[in-house]
Amino acid sequence: CRFNSVLGVRHTHGSQFDRSDLYFVCRLEPIPINEEGDVPLPVPQEGEIEATCWVDFDEYRDMVYAEDPKVGHPMMKHIMKIVEQSDQYDIQKTIVTSVVPGRKPSPVYHAAIKSESS
């Protein structure tokens, strides 16, 4: 898939195993592998993620907004509001050069920057 942007970040101190936790939600776009539009199945990271799959957007929205507390997800409701507005509210990525000689440019993730003309 192609990374498009970061939609949100959750940071929790003292969570499971008394560790801090960073949880990123990203906007991804599947890349077809053939002319029929087939996309490869995502592969879970061993020891970290149990299962992965592509889910139709409408089906995912229904899961997020489900009344059943075992299915609905309060944090993802906030993320869905961002997704439903447009991509102009995503956390943006800009590649910046380093001041350190020989170091490669790196991405900086940030809120949208107003254009100079506005």
Foldseek 3Di string as FASTA:
>chain_A
DAWDFWLDWDWDALPPVRHIDIDTDTDDDFDAPDPVRDGDADDDDPPPDDDGGDDDPVVLVCQCPPPPPVRHDVVVVVSVVCVVVDCLAGFDWDFDQDPDPPDGTDIDTGGDDDDPVD
